[in-house]
PDB file of N, CA and C in Angstrom:
ATOM      1  N   MET A   1       4.703 -12.567   2.238  1.00  0.00           N
ATOM      2  CA  MET A   1       5.352 -13.175   3.373  1.00  0.00           C
ATOM      3  C   MET A   1       4.322 -13.246   4.509  1.00  0.00           C
ATOM      4  N   PRO A   2       4.110 -14.421   5.078  1.00  0.00           N
ATOM      5  CA  PRO A   2       3.145 -14.548   6.176  1.00  0.00           C
ATOM      6  C   PRO A   2       3.639 -13.883   7.460  1.00  0.00           C
ATOM      7  N   LEU A   3       2.688 -13.315   8.207  1.00  0.00           N
ATOM      8  CA  LEU A   3       2.964 -12.717   9.518  1.00  0.00           C
ATOM      9  C   LEU A   3       2.093 -13.417  10.548  1.00  0.00           C
ATOM     10  N   GLY A   4       2.148 -14.693  10.588  1.00  0.00           N
ATOM     11  CA  GLY A   4       1.253 -15.457  11.439  1.00  0.00           C
ATOM     12  C   GLY A   4       0.263 -16.195  10.566  1.00  0.00           C
ATOM     13  N   GLU A   5      -0.810 -16.641  11.173  1.00  0.00           N
ATOM     14  CA  GLU A   5      -1.766 -17.460  10.436  1.00  0.00           C
ATOM     15  C   GLU A   5      -2.717 -16.660   9.559  1.00  0.00           C
ATOM     16  N   GLU A   6      -2.966 -15.394   9.891  1.00  0.00           N
ATOM     17  CA  GLU A   6      -4.003 -14.669   9.169  1.00  0.00           C
ATOM     18  C   GLU A   6      -3.536 -13.401   8.468  1.00  0.00           C
ATOM     19  N   LEU A   7      -2.287 -12.992   8.661  1.00  0.00           N
ATOM     20  CA  LEU A   7      -1.811 -11.752   8.056  1.00  0.00           C
ATOM     21  C   LEU A   7      -0.619 -12.008   7.153  1.00  0.00           C
ATOM     22  N   VAL A   8      -0.515 -11.185   6.112  1.00  0.00           N
ATOM     23  CA  VAL A   8       0.648 -11.213   5.228  1.00  0.00           C
ATOM     24  C   VAL A   8       1.154  -9.791   5.065  1.00  0.00           C
ATOM     25  N   ILE A   9       2.436  -9.688   4.737  1.00  0.00           N
ATOM     26  CA  ILE A   9       3.015  -8.404   4.374  1.00  0.00           C
ATOM     27  C   ILE A   9       3.403  -8.527   2.909  1.00  0.00           C
ATOM     28  N   SER A  10       3.097  -7.481   2.154  1.00  0.00           N
ATOM     29  CA  SER A  10       3.326  -7.544   0.718  1.00  0.00           C
ATOM     30  C   SER A  10       3.812  -6.193   0.207  1.00  0.00           C
ATOM     31  N   GLU A  11       4.641  -6.233  -0.831  1.00  0.00           N
ATOM     32  CA  GLU A  11       5.120  -5.038  -1.504  1.00  0.00           C
ATOM     33  C   GLU A  11       4.415  -4.947  -2.838  1.00  0.00           C
ATOM     34  N   LEU A  12       3.829  -3.796  -3.146  1.00  0.00           N
ATOM     35  CA  LEU A  12       3.143  -3.667  -4.426  1.00  0.00           C
ATOM     36  C   LEU A  12       3.247  -2.257  -4.967  1.00  0.00           C
ATOM     37  N   ARG A  13       3.249  -2.160  -6.281  1.00  0.00           N
ATOM     38  CA  ARG A  13       3.224  -0.857  -6.938  1.00  0.00           C
ATOM     39  C   ARG A  13       1.894  -0.193  -6.639  1.00  0.00           C
ATOM     40  N   VAL A  14       1.896   1.114  -6.596  1.00  0.00           N
ATOM     41  CA  VAL A  14       0.658   1.846  -6.343  1.00  0.00           C
ATOM     42  C   VAL A  14      -0.353   1.508  -7.438  1.00  0.00           C
ATOM     43  N   PRO A  15      -1.529   1.002  -7.053  1.00  0.00           N
ATOM     44  CA  PRO A  15      -2.555   0.718  -8.055  1.00  0.00           C
ATOM     45  C   PRO A  15      -2.970   1.995  -8.778  1.00  0.00           C
ATOM     46  N   ALA A  16      -3.333   1.874 -10.041  1.00  0.00           N
ATOM     47  CA  ALA A  16      -3.700   3.035 -10.866  1.00  0.00           C
ATOM     48  C   ALA A  16      -4.774   3.883 -10.198  1.00  0.00           C
ATOM     49  N   GLY A  17      -5.687   3.255  -9.485  1.00  0.00           N
ATOM     50  CA  GLY A  17      -6.769   3.986  -8.832  1.00  0.00           C
ATOM     51  C   GLY A  17      -6.324   4.863  -7.674  1.00  0.00           C
ATOM     52  N   LEU A  18      -5.070   4.713  -7.240  1.00  0.00           N
ATOM     53  CA  LEU A  18      -4.566   5.535  -6.136  1.00  0.00           C
ATOM     54  C   LEU A  18      -3.582   6.612  -6.579  1.00  0.00           C
ATOM     55  N   VAL A  19      -3.140   6.566  -7.825  1.00  0.00           N
ATOM     56  CA  VAL A  19      -2.179   7.559  -8.307  1.00  0.00           C
ATOM     57  C   VAL A  19      -2.814   8.944  -8.228  1.00  0.00           C
ATOM     58  N   GLY A  20      -2.095   9.875  -7.599  1.00  0.00           N
ATOM     59  CA  GLY A  20      -2.571  11.240  -7.429  1.00  0.00           C
ATOM     60  C   GLY A  20      -3.403  11.452  -6.173  1.00  0.00           C
ATOM     61  N   ARG A  21      -3.741  10.374  -5.481  1.00  0.00           N
ATOM     62  CA  ARG A  21      -4.504  10.481  -4.232  1.00  0.00           C
ATOM     63  C   ARG A  21      -3.559  10.287  -3.053  1.00  0.00           C
ATOM     64  N   THR A  22      -3.970  10.744  -1.886  1.00  0.00           N
ATOM     65  CA  THR A  22      -3.178  10.527  -0.677  1.00  0.00           C
ATOM     66  C   THR A  22      -3.687   9.273   0.030  1.00  0.00           C
ATOM     67  N   LEU A  23      -2.883   8.749   0.931  1.00  0.00           N
ATOM     68  CA  LEU A  23      -3.328   7.602   1.725  1.00  0.00           C
ATOM     69  C   LEU A  23      -4.505   7.981   2.612  1.00  0.00           C
ATOM     70  N   ALA A  24      -4.529   9.226   3.083  1.00  0.00           N
ATOM     71  CA  ALA A  24      -5.663   9.678   3.895  1.00  0.00           C
ATOM     72  C   ALA A  24      -6.949   9.633   3.076  1.00  0.00           C
ATOM     73  N   GLU A  25      -6.891  10.073   1.830  1.00  0.00           N
ATOM     74  CA  GLU A  25      -8.061  10.031   0.953  1.00  0.00           C
ATOM     75  C   GLU A  25      -8.464   8.601   0.618  1.00  0.00           C
ATOM     76  N   ALA A  26      -7.478   7.754   0.418  1.00  0.00           N
ATOM     77  CA  ALA A  26      -7.749   6.373   0.012  1.00  0.00           C
ATOM     78  C   ALA A  26      -8.432   5.561   1.110  1.00  0.00           C
ATOM     79  N   ALA A  27      -8.155   5.877   2.371  1.00  0.00           N
ATOM     80  CA  ALA A  27      -8.786   5.206   3.523  1.00  0.00           C
ATOM     81  C   ALA A  27      -8.736   3.681   3.418  1.00  0.00           C
ATOM     82  N   LEU A  28      -7.569   3.147   3.095  1.00  0.00           N
ATOM     83  CA  LEU A  28      -7.428   1.703   2.895  1.00  0.00           C
ATOM     84  C   LEU A  28      -7.771   0.869   4.129  1.00  0.00           C
ATOM     85  N   PRO A  29      -7.386   1.290   5.343  1.00  0.00           N
ATOM     86  CA  PRO A  29      -7.774   0.477   6.505  1.00  0.00           C
ATOM     87  C   PRO A  29      -9.294   0.378   6.672  1.00  0.00           C
ATOM     88  N   ARG A  30      -9.981   1.481   6.483  1.00  0.00           N
ATOM     89  CA  ARG A  30     -11.440   1.479   6.654  1.00  0.00           C
ATOM     90  C   ARG A  30     -12.132   0.715   5.519  1.00  0.00           C
ATOM     91  N   ARG A  31     -11.677   0.929   4.295  1.00  0.00           N
ATOM     92  CA  ARG A  31     -12.338   0.331   3.135  1.00  0.00           C
ATOM     93  C   ARG A  31     -12.018  -1.141   2.946  1.00  0.00           C
ATOM     94  N   PHE A  32     -10.761  -1.547   3.243  1.00  0.00           N
ATOM     95  CA  PHE A  32     -10.342  -2.900   2.911  1.00  0.00           C
ATOM     96  C   PHE A  32      -9.705  -3.674   4.060  1.00  0.00           C
ATOM     97  N   GLY A  33      -9.403  -3.009   5.171  1.00  0.00           N
ATOM     98  CA  GLY A  33      -8.702  -3.683   6.254  1.00  0.00           C
ATOM     99  C   GLY A  33      -7.226  -3.878   5.959  1.00  0.00           C
ATOM    100  N   VAL A  34      -6.660  -3.006   5.119  1.00  0.00           N
ATOM    101  CA  VAL A  34      -5.259  -3.083   4.710  1.00  0.00           C
ATOM    102  C   VAL A  34      -4.539  -1.847   5.258  1.00  0.00           C
ATOM    103  N   THR A  35      -3.365  -2.053   5.846  1.00  0.00           N
ATOM    104  CA  THR A  35      -2.590  -0.959   6.421  1.00  0.00           C
ATOM    105  C   THR A  35      -1.274  -0.803   5.667  1.00  0.00           C
ATOM    106  N   VAL A  36      -0.969   0.425   5.255  1.00  0.00           N
ATOM    107  CA  VAL A  36       0.319   0.724   4.629  1.00  0.00           C
ATOM    108  C   VAL A  36       1.303   1.017   5.755  1.00  0.00           C
ATOM    109  N   VAL A  37       2.327   0.181   5.874  1.00  0.00           N
ATOM    110  CA  VAL A  37       3.298   0.336   6.961  1.00  0.00           C
ATOM    111  C   VAL A  37       4.580   1.029   6.523  1.00  0.00           C
ATOM    112  N   ALA A  38       4.833   1.063   5.215  1.00  0.00           N
ATOM    113  CA  ALA A  38       6.033   1.721   4.695  1.00  0.00           C
ATOM    114  C   ALA A  38       5.816   2.013   3.218  1.00  0.00           C
ATOM    115  N   GLN A  39       6.733   2.827   2.685  1.00  0.00           N
ATOM    116  CA  GLN A  39       6.603   3.251   1.294  1.00  0.00           C
ATOM    117  C   GLN A  39       7.993   3.444   0.712  1.00  0.00           C
ATOM    118  N   ARG A  40       8.143   3.074  -0.540  1.00  0.00           N
ATOM    119  CA  ARG A  40       9.373   3.353  -1.281  1.00  0.00           C
ATOM    120  C   ARG A  40       8.984   4.354  -2.363  1.00  0.00           C
ATOM    121  N   ARG A  41       9.535   5.553  -2.299  1.00  0.00           N
ATOM    122  CA  ARG A  41       9.170   6.614  -3.246  1.00  0.00           C
ATOM    123  C   ARG A  41       9.929   6.461  -4.555  1.00  0.00           C
ATOM    124  N   GLY A  42       9.240   6.633  -5.658  1.00  0.00           N
ATOM    125  CA  GLY A  42       9.889   6.716  -6.958  1.00  0.00           C
ATOM    126  C   GLY A  42      10.252   5.407  -7.617  1.00  0.00           C
ATOM    127  N   GLY A  43      10.014   4.288  -6.992  1.00  0.00           N
ATOM    128  CA  GLY A  43      10.167   2.998  -7.636  1.00  0.00           C
ATOM    129  C   GLY A  43      11.566   2.434  -7.758  1.00  0.00           C
ATOM    130  N   ALA A  44      12.602   3.171  -7.456  1.00  0.00           N
ATOM    131  CA  ALA A  44      13.950   2.626  -7.566  1.00  0.00           C
ATOM    132  C   ALA A  44      14.154   1.541  -6.519  1.00  0.00           C
ATOM    133  N   ALA A  45      14.667   0.406  -6.941  1.00  0.00           N
ATOM    134  CA  ALA A  45      14.847  -0.732  -6.034  1.00  0.00           C
ATOM    135  C   ALA A  45      15.738  -0.367  -4.850  1.00  0.00           C
ATOM    136  N   ARG A  46      16.635   0.568  -5.048  1.00  0.00           N
ATOM    137  CA  ARG A  46      17.553   0.942  -3.965  1.00  0.00           C
ATOM    138  C   ARG A  46      17.085   2.154  -3.177  1.00  0.00           C
ATOM    139  N   SER A  47      15.932   2.694  -3.520  1.00  0.00           N
ATOM    140  CA  SER A  47      15.460   3.869  -2.788  1.00  0.00           C
ATOM    141  C   SER A  47      15.087   3.473  -1.368  1.00  0.00           C
ATOM    142  N   ALA A  48      15.170   4.431  -0.488  1.00  0.00           N
ATOM    143  CA  ALA A  48      14.926   4.176   0.929  1.00  0.00           C
ATOM    144  C   ALA A  48      13.455   3.852   1.178  1.00  0.00           C
ATOM    145  N   VAL A  49      13.239   2.965   2.110  1.00  0.00           N
ATOM    146  CA  VAL A  49      11.893   2.666   2.576  1.00  0.00           C
ATOM    147  C   VAL A  49      11.618   3.602   3.739  1.00  0.00           C
ATOM    148  N   VAL A  50      10.519   4.339   3.646  1.00  0.00           N
ATOM    149  CA  VAL A  50      10.208   5.360   4.645  1.00  0.00           C
ATOM    150  C   VAL A  50       8.812   5.145   5.210  1.00  0.00           C
ATOM    151  N   GLN A  51       8.561   5.794   6.329  1.00  0.00           N
ATOM    152  CA  GLN A  51       7.213   5.809   6.886  1.00  0.00           C
ATOM    153  C   GLN A  51       6.355   6.665   5.964  1.00  0.00           C
ATOM    154  N   PRO A  52       5.194   6.178   5.552  1.00  0.00           N
ATOM    155  CA  PRO A  52       4.391   6.950   4.601  1.00  0.00           C
ATOM    156  C   PRO A  52       3.784   8.193   5.234  1.00  0.00           C
ATOM    157  N   ASP A  53       3.739   9.255   4.452  1.00  0.00           N
ATOM    158  CA  ASP A  53       3.063  10.486   4.862  1.00  0.00           C
ATOM    159  C   ASP A  53       1.653  10.416   4.288  1.00  0.00           C
ATOM    160  N   PRO A  54       0.624  10.366   5.119  1.00  0.00           N
ATOM    161  CA  PRO A  54      -0.736  10.185   4.619  1.00  0.00           C
ATOM    162  C   PRO A  54      -1.281  11.363   3.823  1.00  0.00           C
ATOM    163  N   HIS A  55      -0.543  12.475   3.787  1.00  0.00           N
ATOM    164  CA  HIS A  55      -1.037  13.671   3.108  1.00  0.00           C
ATOM    165  C   HIS A  55      -0.268  14.011   1.833  1.00  0.00           C
ATOM    166  N   VAL A  56       0.639  13.142   1.418  1.00  0.00           N
ATOM    167  CA  VAL A  56       1.414  13.360   0.189  1.00  0.00           C
ATOM    168  C   VAL A  56       0.816  12.475  -0.912  1.00  0.00           C
ATOM    169  N   PRO A  57       0.471  13.066  -2.056  1.00  0.00           N
ATOM    170  CA  PRO A  57      -0.106  12.260  -3.139  1.00  0.00           C
ATOM    171  C   PRO A  57       0.852  11.164  -3.608  1.00  0.00           C
ATOM    172  N   LEU A  58       0.267  10.014  -3.923  1.00  0.00           N
ATOM    173  CA  LEU A  58       1.032   8.882  -4.432  1.00  0.00           C
ATOM    174  C   LEU A  58       1.322   9.088  -5.911  1.00  0.00           C
ATOM    175  N   VAL A  59       2.479   8.594  -6.352  1.00  0.00           N
ATOM    176  CA  VAL A  59       2.861   8.686  -7.765  1.00  0.00           C
ATOM    177  C   VAL A  59       2.989   7.287  -8.342  1.00  0.00           C
ATOM    178  N   VAL A  60       2.969   7.209  -9.657  1.00  0.00           N
ATOM    179  CA  VAL A  60       2.905   5.936 -10.350  1.00  0.00           C
ATOM    180  C   VAL A  60       4.070   5.007  -9.994  1.00  0.00           C
ATOM    181  N   ASP A  61       5.235   5.532  -9.702  1.00  0.00           N
ATOM    182  CA  ASP A  61       6.401   4.691  -9.411  1.00  0.00           C
ATOM    183  C   ASP A  61       6.571   4.342  -7.939  1.00  0.00           C
ATOM    184  N   ASP A  62       5.663   4.763  -7.077  1.00  0.00           N
ATOM    185  CA  ASP A  62       5.769   4.423  -5.654  1.00  0.00           C
ATOM    186  C   ASP A  62       5.478   2.951  -5.427  1.00  0.00           C
ATOM    187  N   THR A  63       6.101   2.414  -4.384  1.00  0.00           N
ATOM    188  CA  THR A  63       5.830   1.055  -3.936  1.00  0.00           C
ATOM    189  C   THR A  63       5.319   1.142  -2.509  1.00  0.00           C
ATOM    190  N   LEU A  64       4.251   0.423  -2.231  1.00  0.00           N
ATOM    191  CA  LEU A  64       3.680   0.391  -0.883  1.00  0.00           C
ATOM    192  C   LEU A  64       3.977  -0.951  -0.234  1.00  0.00           C
ATOM    193  N   ILE A  65       4.315  -0.916   1.040  1.00  0.00           N
ATOM    194  CA  ILE A  65       4.465  -2.137   1.835  1.00  0.00           C
ATOM    195  C   ILE A  65       3.230  -2.179   2.721  1.00  0.00           C
ATOM    196  N   VAL A  66       2.409  -3.199   2.511  1.00  0.00           N
ATOM    197  CA  VAL A  66       1.106  -3.276   3.158  1.00  0.00           C
ATOM    198  C   VAL A  66       0.972  -4.548   3.983  1.00  0.00           C
ATOM    199  N   VAL A  67       0.134  -4.473   5.026  1.00  0.00           N
ATOM    200  CA  VAL A  67      -0.166  -5.616   5.880  1.00  0.00           C
ATOM    201  C   VAL A  67      -1.678  -5.797   5.898  1.00  0.00           C
ATOM    202  N   GLY A  68      -2.103  -7.038   5.776  1.00  0.00           N
ATOM    203  CA  GLY A  68      -3.527  -7.340   5.839  1.00  0.00           C
ATOM    204  C   GLY A  68      -3.764  -8.826   5.624  1.00  0.00           C
ATOM    205  N   ARG A  69      -5.006  -9.203   5.660  1.00  0.00           N
ATOM    206  CA  ARG A  69      -5.368 -10.586   5.347  1.00  0.00           C
ATOM    207  C   ARG A  69      -5.251 -10.778   3.836  1.00  0.00           C
ATOM    208  N   PRO A  70      -4.878 -11.968   3.392  1.00  0.00           N
ATOM    209  CA  PRO A  70      -4.727 -12.182   1.948  1.00  0.00           C
ATOM    210  C   PRO A  70      -5.969 -11.789   1.151  1.00  0.00           C
ATOM    211  N   GLU A  71      -7.149 -12.108   1.667  1.00  0.00           N
ATOM    212  CA  GLU A  71      -8.380 -11.767   0.934  1.00  0.00           C
ATOM    213  C   GLU A  71      -8.619 -10.257   0.897  1.00  0.00           C
ATOM    214  N   ALA A  72      -8.163  -9.530   1.913  1.00  0.00           N
ATOM    215  CA  ALA A  72      -8.311  -8.075   1.934  1.00  0.00           C
ATOM    216  C   ALA A  72      -7.393  -7.441   0.882  1.00  0.00           C
ATOM    217  N   LEU A  73      -6.167  -7.955   0.760  1.00  0.00           N
ATOM    218  CA  LEU A  73      -5.252  -7.440  -0.261  1.00  0.00           C
ATOM    219  C   LEU A  73      -5.824  -7.691  -1.645  1.00  0.00           C
ATOM    220  N   GLY A  74      -6.375  -8.881  -1.847  1.00  0.00           N
ATOM    221  CA  GLY A  74      -6.973  -9.202  -3.145  1.00  0.00           C
ATOM    222  C   GLY A  74      -8.146  -8.294  -3.459  1.00  0.00           C
ATOM    223  N   ALA A  75      -9.008  -8.056  -2.479  1.00  0.00           N
ATOM    224  CA  ALA A  75     -10.167  -7.188  -2.693  1.00  0.00           C
ATOM    225  C   ALA A  75      -9.729  -5.768  -3.015  1.00  0.00           C
ATOM    226  N   MET A  76      -8.688  -5.288  -2.353  1.00  0.00           N
ATOM    227  CA  MET A  76      -8.184  -3.939  -2.624  1.00  0.00           C
ATOM    228  C   MET A  76      -7.670  -3.842  -4.057  1.00  0.00           C
ATOM    229  N   LEU A  77      -6.877  -4.815  -4.477  1.00  0.00           N
ATOM    230  CA  LEU A  77      -6.313  -4.776  -5.828  1.00  0.00           C
ATOM    231  C   LEU A  77      -7.401  -4.876  -6.898  1.00  0.00           C
ATOM    232  N   GLU A  78      -8.428  -5.669  -6.655  1.00  0.00           N
ATOM    233  CA  GLU A  78      -9.519  -5.780  -7.616  1.00  0.00           C
ATOM    234  C   GLU A  78     -10.312  -4.476  -7.709  1.00  0.00           C
ATOM    235  N   ALA A  79     -10.512  -3.802  -6.589  1.00  0.00           N
ATOM    236  CA  ALA A  79     -11.325  -2.587  -6.564  1.00  0.00           C
ATOM    237  C   ALA A  79     -10.595  -1.375  -7.120  1.00  0.00           C
ATOM    238  N   LEU A  80      -9.276  -1.371  -7.013  1.00  0.00           N
ATOM    239  CA  LEU A  80      -8.515  -0.199  -7.428  1.00  0.00           C
ATOM    240  C   LEU A  80      -7.838  -0.452  -8.759  1.00  0.00           C
TER     241      LEU A  80
END
């Protein structure tokens, strides 16, 4: 979903390269220019969307809601 001319918001499953790591360790804003604005724990479609805790390890069923430029999201997904 576009957020203006240069930013999009997207929902994505935690990439395999981030499973078991925390958002603080992943440093997505510094590495890719992507910000995690919310998180759905455990993958259930009806689970609550919460503010992410940067110190809690991510699990395979988590969903991240991220904001960034389309090319930054693509670069993050390719790298992880």
